[in-house]
Amino acid sequence: MITLHHCVSARSFRPLWLLEEIGVPYELVMHDFPPRVRDEAFLEINPLGTVPALFDGRVAMTESAAICQYLAGRHPQAGLEVTPDDPAYGDYLNFLHFGEATLTFPQTLVLRYGRFEPEERRSPQVVEDYSRWFLSRLRTLESRLEREAFVCAGRFTAADVSVGYALLLASYIGLNERFKPAVAAYWQRLQEREAFQRAKAVEREAAMAQGVSPKPAMDMLG
């Protein structure tokens, strides 16, 4: 049985969404955000105290994009991976990691200096600078999504889950209002997927059942 440790709306939503797309059984363990502060026992599970933490037999992983690649590769029947013999393989890997390394990173600074730091350490200038940094990186998506429904291979893949989480995070902090048309339409398509909607429902139900706040992670310290 796969076990996923998760906080509502955190990066661990990527593997949660992918697990719903794949349709395999899993156990979802919820934590209040940030778990390294609110759940000391979690440090024995993941010394960094971050989510995701995924366990699949002897496999233990903590990087959300890598977990997406692992799950898609382990469950090829779901059709969410792109194999090395496919001409789209390079695009697949690029966008799989683009979602985290290029898109999510600047948003963490927006969150830190807009919500998580004490009032006296917050910086509207940092927030706006890194908001623009994030939005400028969407140009890579905009041109592609004007021609294609998904980011690679002419179909929905794990790369869309990776990129899609970055757009979900943007929606929580109000940056979706500044999406250009092709990205906005793509984000709407992703939200309409049944597995996405199931993942949203599952995380809320699990949070309530396990006594964890259903509030998004980015609101926990705001």
C-alpha atoms as a PDB file:
ATOM      1  CA  MET A   1       0.000   0.000   0.000  1.00  0.00           C
ATOM      2  CA  ILE A   2       1.263   3.453  -0.923  1.00  0.00           C
ATOM      3  CA  THR A   3       1.270   5.978   1.941  1.00  0.00           C
ATOM      4  CA  LEU A   4       1.309   9.713   1.234  1.00  0.00           C
ATOM      5  CA  HIS A   5       1.885  12.360   3.900  1.00  0.00           C
ATOM      6  CA  HIS A   6       0.137  15.563   2.876  1.00  0.00           C
ATOM      7  CA  CYS A   7      -0.847  19.084   3.929  1.00  0.00           C
ATOM      8  CA  VAL A   8      -3.871  20.744   2.361  1.00  0.00           C
ATOM      9  CA  SER A   9      -2.854  22.546  -0.875  1.00  0.00           C
ATOM     10  CA  ALA A  10       0.893  21.985  -0.332  1.00  0.00           C
ATOM     11  CA  ARG A  11       3.268  20.526  -2.956  1.00  0.00           C
ATOM     12  CA  SER A  12       2.089  17.090  -1.860  1.00  0.00           C
ATOM     13  CA  PHE A  13      -1.091  17.803  -3.815  1.00  0.00           C
ATOM     14  CA  ARG A  14       0.881  16.789  -6.925  1.00  0.00           C
ATOM     15  CA  PRO A  15       1.246  13.112  -5.918  1.00  0.00           C
ATOM     16  CA  LEU A  16      -2.267  13.102  -4.425  1.00  0.00           C
ATOM     17  CA  TRP A  17      -3.733  14.260  -7.729  1.00  0.00           C
ATOM     18  CA  LEU A  18      -1.604  11.754  -9.644  1.00  0.00           C
ATOM     19  CA  LEU A  19      -2.716   8.910  -7.384  1.00  0.00           C
ATOM     20  CA  GLU A  20      -6.318   9.808  -8.176  1.00  0.00           C
ATOM     21  CA  GLU A  21      -5.515   9.879 -11.896  1.00  0.00           C
ATOM     22  CA  ILE A  22      -3.888   6.438 -11.665  1.00  0.00           C
ATOM     23  CA  GLY A  23      -6.621   4.939  -9.509  1.00  0.00           C
ATOM     24  CA  VAL A  24      -4.499   2.764  -7.223  1.00  0.00           C
ATOM     25  CA  PRO A  25      -5.220   2.296  -3.493  1.00  0.00           C
ATOM     26  CA  TYR A  26      -3.309   4.532  -1.088  1.00  0.00           C
ATOM     27  CA  GLU A  27      -3.363   5.771   2.478  1.00  0.00           C
ATOM     28  CA  LEU A  28      -3.471   9.541   2.970  1.00  0.00           C
ATOM     29  CA  VAL A  29      -1.965  10.878   6.208  1.00  0.00           C
ATOM     30  CA  MET A  30      -2.776  14.526   6.866  1.00  0.00           C
ATOM     31  CA  HIS A  31      -0.684  17.090   8.749  1.00  0.00           C
ATOM     32  CA  ASP A  32      -1.225  20.689   9.749  1.00  0.00           C
ATOM     33  CA  PHE A  33       1.138  23.068   7.958  1.00  0.00           C
ATOM     34  CA  PRO A  34       4.059  23.311   8.467  1.00  0.00           C
ATOM     35  CA  PRO A  35       4.501  19.787   9.824  1.00  0.00           C
ATOM     36  CA  ARG A  36       8.078  20.418  10.980  1.00  0.00           C
ATOM     37  CA  VAL A  37       6.639  22.939  13.474  1.00  0.00           C
ATOM     38  CA  ARG A  38       3.234  21.470  14.256  1.00  0.00           C
ATOM     39  CA  ASP A  39       4.027  17.741  14.334  1.00  0.00           C
ATOM     40  CA  GLU A  40       7.383  16.931  15.908  1.00  0.00           C
ATOM     41  CA  ALA A  41       6.848  13.181  15.493  1.00  0.00           C
ATOM     42  CA  PHE A  42       6.811  13.705  11.713  1.00  0.00           C
ATOM     43  CA  LEU A  43      10.549  14.458  11.845  1.00  0.00           C
ATOM     44  CA  GLU A  44      11.105  10.752  12.438  1.00  0.00           C
ATOM     45  CA  ILE A  45       9.335  10.067   9.147  1.00  0.00           C
ATOM     46  CA  ASN A  46      11.020  12.851   7.171  1.00  0.00           C
ATOM     47  CA  PRO A  47      13.927  14.640   8.909  1.00  0.00           C
ATOM     48  CA  LEU A  48      13.263  17.737   6.780  1.00  0.00           C
ATOM     49  CA  GLY A  49       9.764  17.942   8.175  1.00  0.00           C
ATOM     50  CA  THR A  50       8.299  18.714   4.756  1.00  0.00           C
ATOM     51  CA  VAL A  51       5.604  17.193   2.581  1.00  0.00           C
ATOM     52  CA  PRO A  52       5.235  15.232   0.452  1.00  0.00           C
ATOM     53  CA  ALA A  53       6.634  12.093   1.991  1.00  0.00           C
ATOM     54  CA  LEU A  54       5.622   9.026   0.017  1.00  0.00           C
ATOM     55  CA  PHE A  55       6.291   5.418   0.914  1.00  0.00           C
ATOM     56  CA  ASP A  56       5.775   2.515  -1.474  1.00  0.00           C
ATOM     57  CA  GLY A  57       7.182  -0.629   0.087  1.00  0.00           C
ATOM     58  CA  ARG A  58      10.868   0.120   0.636  1.00  0.00           C
ATOM     59  CA  VAL A  59      10.751   3.213  -1.561  1.00  0.00           C
ATOM     60  CA  ALA A  60      10.739   6.552   0.274  1.00  0.00           C
ATOM     61  CA  MET A  61      10.520   9.842  -1.649  1.00  0.00           C
ATOM     62  CA  THR A  62      10.111  13.499  -0.714  1.00  0.00           C
ATOM     63  CA  GLU A  63      10.333  15.471  -3.993  1.00  0.00           C
ATOM     64  CA  SER A  64       6.919  16.127  -5.533  1.00  0.00           C
ATOM     65  CA  ALA A  65       7.939  16.208  -9.209  1.00  0.00           C
ATOM     66  CA  ALA A  66      10.117  13.117  -8.794  1.00  0.00           C
ATOM     67  CA  ILE A  67       7.223  11.303  -7.129  1.00  0.00           C
ATOM     68  CA  CYS A  68       5.016  12.160 -10.105  1.00  0.00           C
ATOM     69  CA  GLN A  69       7.618  10.719 -12.472  1.00  0.00           C
ATOM     70  CA  TYR A  70       7.967   7.617 -10.292  1.00  0.00           C
ATOM     71  CA  LEU A  71       4.229   6.953 -10.032  1.00  0.00           C
ATOM     72  CA  ALA A  72       3.593   7.510 -13.733  1.00  0.00           C
ATOM     73  CA  GLY A  73       6.448   5.143 -14.609  1.00  0.00           C
ATOM     74  CA  ARG A  74       5.355   2.488 -12.123  1.00  0.00           C
ATOM     75  CA  HIS A  75       1.790   2.511 -13.435  1.00  0.00           C
ATOM     76  CA  PRO A  76       2.086   2.772 -17.221  1.00  0.00           C
ATOM     77  CA  GLN A  77      -1.466   1.487 -17.651  1.00  0.00           C
ATOM     78  CA  ALA A  78      -2.691   4.958 -16.648  1.00  0.00           C
ATOM     79  CA  GLY A  79      -1.019   6.522 -19.700  1.00  0.00           C
ATOM     80  CA  LEU A  80       0.495   9.405 -17.738  1.00  0.00           C
ATOM     81  CA  GLU A  81       4.164   8.902 -18.599  1.00  0.00           C
ATOM     82  CA  VAL A  82       6.117   9.551 -21.771  1.00  0.00           C
ATOM     83  CA  THR A  83       8.737   6.902 -22.469  1.00  0.00           C
ATOM     84  CA  PRO A  84      12.313   7.525 -23.655  1.00  0.00           C
ATOM     85  CA  ASP A  85      11.535   6.201 -27.136  1.00  0.00           C
ATOM     86  CA  ASP A  86       8.822   8.836 -27.635  1.00  0.00           C
ATOM     87  CA  PRO A  87       9.897  12.040 -29.457  1.00  0.00           C
ATOM     88  CA  ALA A  88       8.074  14.011 -26.737  1.00  0.00           C
ATOM     89  CA  TYR A  89      10.202  12.524 -23.931  1.00  0.00           C
ATOM     90  CA  GLY A  90      12.446  15.583 -23.647  1.00  0.00           C
ATOM     91  CA  ASP A  91       9.468  17.925 -23.459  1.00  0.00           C
ATOM     92  CA  TYR A  92       7.888  15.649 -20.859  1.00  0.00           C
ATOM     93  CA  LEU A  93      10.900  15.756 -18.539  1.00  0.00           C
ATOM     94  CA  ASN A  94      11.365  19.463 -19.119  1.00  0.00           C
ATOM     95  CA  PHE A  95       7.811  20.417 -18.170  1.00  0.00           C
ATOM     96  CA  LEU A  96       7.658  17.887 -15.342  1.00  0.00           C
ATOM     97  CA  HIS A  97      10.500  19.736 -13.629  1.00  0.00           C
ATOM     98  CA  PHE A  98       9.585  23.187 -14.984  1.00  0.00           C
ATOM     99  CA  GLY A  99       6.455  23.028 -12.813  1.00  0.00           C
ATOM    100  CA  GLU A 100       8.513  22.877  -9.626  1.00  0.00           C
ATOM    101  CA  ALA A 101      11.923  24.385 -10.329  1.00  0.00           C
ATOM    102  CA  THR A 102      10.784  27.321 -12.472  1.00  0.00           C
ATOM    103  CA  LEU A 103       7.151  27.994 -11.538  1.00  0.00           C
ATOM    104  CA  THR A 104       6.723  27.041  -7.885  1.00  0.00           C
ATOM    105  CA  PHE A 105      10.012  28.503  -6.607  1.00  0.00           C
ATOM    106  CA  PRO A 106       9.192  32.228  -7.067  1.00  0.00           C
ATOM    107  CA  GLN A 107       5.787  31.705  -5.495  1.00  0.00           C
ATOM    108  CA  THR A 108       7.419  30.441  -2.304  1.00  0.00           C
ATOM    109  CA  LEU A 109       9.073  33.857  -1.967  1.00  0.00           C
ATOM    110  CA  VAL A 110       5.745  35.580  -2.599  1.00  0.00           C
ATOM    111  CA  LEU A 111       4.267  33.501   0.215  1.00  0.00           C
ATOM    112  CA  ARG A 112       7.180  33.973   2.581  1.00  0.00           C
ATOM    113  CA  TYR A 113       7.440  37.740   2.278  1.00  0.00           C
ATOM    114  CA  GLY A 114       3.720  38.300   1.798  1.00  0.00           C
ATOM    115  CA  ARG A 115       2.228  35.973   4.431  1.00  0.00           C
ATOM    116  CA  PHE A 116       4.589  33.763   6.406  1.00  0.00           C
ATOM    117  CA  GLU A 117       7.115  36.242   7.813  1.00  0.00           C
ATOM    118  CA  PRO A 118       6.236  38.429  10.833  1.00  0.00           C
ATOM    119  CA  GLU A 119       4.660  41.726   9.816  1.00  0.00           C
ATOM    120  CA  GLU A 120       7.869  43.711  10.295  1.00  0.00           C
ATOM    121  CA  ARG A 121       9.787  41.420   7.920  1.00  0.00           C
ATOM    122  CA  ARG A 122       7.246  41.365   5.111  1.00  0.00           C
ATOM    123  CA  SER A 123       8.161  43.065   1.855  1.00  0.00           C
ATOM    124  CA  PRO A 124       5.603  44.210  -0.732  1.00  0.00           C
ATOM    125  CA  GLN A 125       8.464  44.856  -3.154  1.00  0.00           C
ATOM    126  CA  VAL A 126       9.715  41.258  -2.939  1.00  0.00           C
ATOM    127  CA  VAL A 127       6.135  40.024  -3.364  1.00  0.00           C
ATOM    128  CA  GLU A 128       5.599  42.070  -6.514  1.00  0.00           C
ATOM    129  CA  ASP A 129       9.046  41.317  -7.965  1.00  0.00           C
ATOM    130  CA  TYR A 130       8.622  37.563  -7.600  1.00  0.00           C
ATOM    131  CA  SER A 131       5.004  37.679  -8.729  1.00  0.00           C
ATOM    132  CA  ARG A 132       6.233  39.249 -11.959  1.00  0.00           C
ATOM    133  CA  TRP A 133       9.063  36.676 -12.109  1.00  0.00           C
ATOM    134  CA  PHE A 134       6.507  33.870 -11.929  1.00  0.00           C
ATOM    135  CA  LEU A 135       4.160  35.440 -14.474  1.00  0.00           C
ATOM    136  CA  SER A 136       6.996  36.084 -16.920  1.00  0.00           C
ATOM    137  CA  ARG A 137       7.866  32.365 -16.846  1.00  0.00           C
ATOM    138  CA  LEU A 138       4.349  31.537 -18.011  1.00  0.00           C
ATOM    139  CA  ARG A 139       5.348  32.807 -21.457  1.00  0.00           C
ATOM    140  CA  THR A 140       6.810  29.366 -22.094  1.00  0.00           C
ATOM    141  CA  LEU A 141       3.371  27.880 -21.504  1.00  0.00           C
ATOM    142  CA  GLU A 142       1.327  30.542 -23.251  1.00  0.00           C
ATOM    143  CA  SER A 143       2.827  30.048 -26.689  1.00  0.00           C
ATOM    144  CA  ARG A 144       2.556  26.265 -26.436  1.00  0.00           C
ATOM    145  CA  LEU A 145      -0.979  26.248 -25.066  1.00  0.00           C
ATOM    146  CA  GLU A 146      -2.169  28.473 -27.873  1.00  0.00           C
ATOM    147  CA  ARG A 147      -1.512  25.446 -30.108  1.00  0.00           C
ATOM    148  CA  GLU A 148      -1.967  22.466 -27.781  1.00  0.00           C
ATOM    149  CA  ALA A 149      -4.414  21.366 -25.082  1.00  0.00           C
ATOM    150  CA  PHE A 150      -1.663  20.024 -22.808  1.00  0.00           C
ATOM    151  CA  VAL A 151       2.036  20.751 -22.312  1.00  0.00           C
ATOM    152  CA  CYS A 152       3.488  17.766 -24.185  1.00  0.00           C
ATOM    153  CA  ALA A 153       2.822  14.619 -26.199  1.00  0.00           C
ATOM    154  CA  GLY A 154      -0.586  15.813 -27.363  1.00  0.00           C
ATOM    155  CA  ARG A 155      -2.267  14.427 -24.227  1.00  0.00           C
ATOM    156  CA  PHE A 156      -2.553  14.783 -20.463  1.00  0.00           C
ATOM    157  CA  THR A 157       0.558  13.484 -18.635  1.00  0.00           C
ATOM    158  CA  ALA A 158       2.249  13.722 -15.253  1.00  0.00           C
ATOM    159  CA  ALA A 159       3.900  16.910 -16.537  1.00  0.00           C
ATOM    160  CA  ASP A 160       0.484  18.573 -16.506  1.00  0.00           C
ATOM    161  CA  VAL A 161       0.069  17.588 -12.867  1.00  0.00           C
ATOM    162  CA  SER A 162       3.395  19.224 -12.040  1.00  0.00           C
ATOM    163  CA  VAL A 163       2.602  22.426 -13.936  1.00  0.00           C
ATOM    164  CA  GLY A 164      -1.017  22.327 -12.779  1.00  0.00           C
ATOM    165  CA  TYR A 165      -0.040  22.459  -9.117  1.00  0.00           C
ATOM    166  CA  ALA A 166       1.943  25.633  -9.767  1.00  0.00           C
ATOM    167  CA  LEU A 167      -1.197  27.166 -11.277  1.00  0.00           C
ATOM    168  CA  LEU A 168      -3.243  25.967  -8.300  1.00  0.00           C
ATOM    169  CA  LEU A 169      -0.781  27.670  -5.969  1.00  0.00           C
ATOM    170  CA  ALA A 170      -1.015  30.822  -8.091  1.00  0.00           C
ATOM    171  CA  SER A 171      -4.789  30.770  -7.719  1.00  0.00           C
ATOM    172  CA  TYR A 172      -4.490  30.654  -3.930  1.00  0.00           C
ATOM    173  CA  ILE A 173      -2.367  33.804  -3.888  1.00  0.00           C
ATOM    174  CA  GLY A 174      -4.360  35.707  -6.502  1.00  0.00           C
ATOM    175  CA  LEU A 175      -1.929  35.480  -9.408  1.00  0.00           C
ATOM    176  CA  ASN A 176      -4.418  33.598 -11.599  1.00  0.00           C
ATOM    177  CA  GLU A 177      -6.147  36.916 -12.192  1.00  0.00           C
ATOM    178  CA  ARG A 178      -3.081  37.879 -14.234  1.00  0.00           C
ATOM    179  CA  PHE A 179      -2.962  34.726 -16.387  1.00  0.00           C
ATOM    180  CA  LYS A 180      -3.094  35.313 -20.130  1.00  0.00           C
ATOM    181  CA  PRO A 181      -5.909  33.619 -22.109  1.00  0.00           C
ATOM    182  CA  ALA A 182      -4.249  30.351 -23.131  1.00  0.00           C
ATOM    183  CA  VAL A 183      -2.914  29.645 -19.639  1.00  0.00           C
ATOM    184  CA  ALA A 184      -6.246  30.604 -18.071  1.00  0.00           C
ATOM    185  CA  ALA A 185      -8.101  28.218 -20.405  1.00  0.00           C
ATOM    186  CA  TYR A 186      -5.608  25.428 -19.669  1.00  0.00           C
ATOM    187  CA  TRP A 187      -5.996  25.938 -15.931  1.00  0.00           C
ATOM    188  CA  GLN A 188      -9.762  25.704 -16.332  1.00  0.00           C
ATOM    189  CA  ARG A 189      -9.397  22.412 -18.243  1.00  0.00           C
ATOM    190  CA  LEU A 190      -7.231  20.954 -15.504  1.00  0.00           C
ATOM    191  CA  GLN A 191      -9.715  21.886 -12.787  1.00  0.00           C
ATOM    192  CA  GLU A 192     -12.476  20.128 -14.724  1.00  0.00           C
ATOM    193  CA  ARG A 193     -10.695  16.779 -14.578  1.00  0.00           C
ATOM    194  CA  GLU A 194     -12.530  14.293 -12.374  1.00  0.00           C
ATOM    195  CA  ALA A 195      -9.315  13.157 -10.684  1.00  0.00           C
ATOM    196  CA  PHE A 196      -8.441  16.748  -9.772  1.00  0.00           C
ATOM    197  CA  GLN A 197     -11.862  17.233  -8.228  1.00  0.00           C
ATOM    198  CA  ARG A 198     -11.604  13.931  -6.373  1.00  0.00           C
ATOM    199  CA  ALA A 199      -8.203  14.899  -4.976  1.00  0.00           C
ATOM    200  CA  LYS A 200      -9.611  18.185  -3.690  1.00  0.00           C
ATOM    201  CA  ALA A 201     -12.516  16.369  -2.038  1.00  0.00           C
ATOM    202  CA  VAL A 202     -10.313  13.606  -0.607  1.00  0.00           C
ATOM    203  CA  GLU A 203      -7.872  16.021   1.044  1.00  0.00           C
ATOM    204  CA  ARG A 204     -10.709  17.935   2.709  1.00  0.00           C
ATOM    205  CA  GLU A 205     -12.480  14.793   3.893  1.00  0.00           C
ATOM    206  CA  ALA A 206      -9.223  13.293   5.195  1.00  0.00           C
ATOM    207  CA  ALA A 207      -8.303  16.525   6.979  1.00  0.00           C
ATOM    208  CA  MET A 208     -11.659  16.678   8.735  1.00  0.00           C
ATOM    209  CA  ALA A 209     -11.550  12.988   9.641  1.00  0.00           C
ATOM    210  CA  GLN A 210      -8.010  13.248  11.051  1.00  0.00           C
ATOM    211  CA  GLY A 211      -8.546  16.446  13.025  1.00  0.00           C
ATOM    212  CA  VAL A 212      -6.433  18.613  10.725  1.00  0.00           C
ATOM    213  CA  SER A 213      -7.406  22.083   9.568  1.00  0.00           C
ATOM    214  CA  PRO A 214      -8.938  22.050   6.062  1.00  0.00           C
ATOM    215  CA  LYS A 215      -7.543  25.543   5.437  1.00  0.00           C
ATOM    216  CA  PRO A 216      -4.974  25.807   2.612  1.00  0.00           C
ATOM    217  CA  ALA A 217      -1.365  25.645   3.771  1.00  0.00           C
ATOM    218  CA  MET A 218      -0.686  29.203   2.596  1.00  0.00           C
ATOM    219  CA  ASP A 219      -3.342  30.500   5.002  1.00  0.00           C
ATOM    220  CA  MET A 220      -2.057  28.660   8.056  1.00  0.00           C
ATOM    221  CA  LEU A 221       0.600  31.259   8.897  1.00  0.00           C
ATOM    222  CA  GLY A 222      -1.031  34.247   7.272  1.00  0.00           C
END
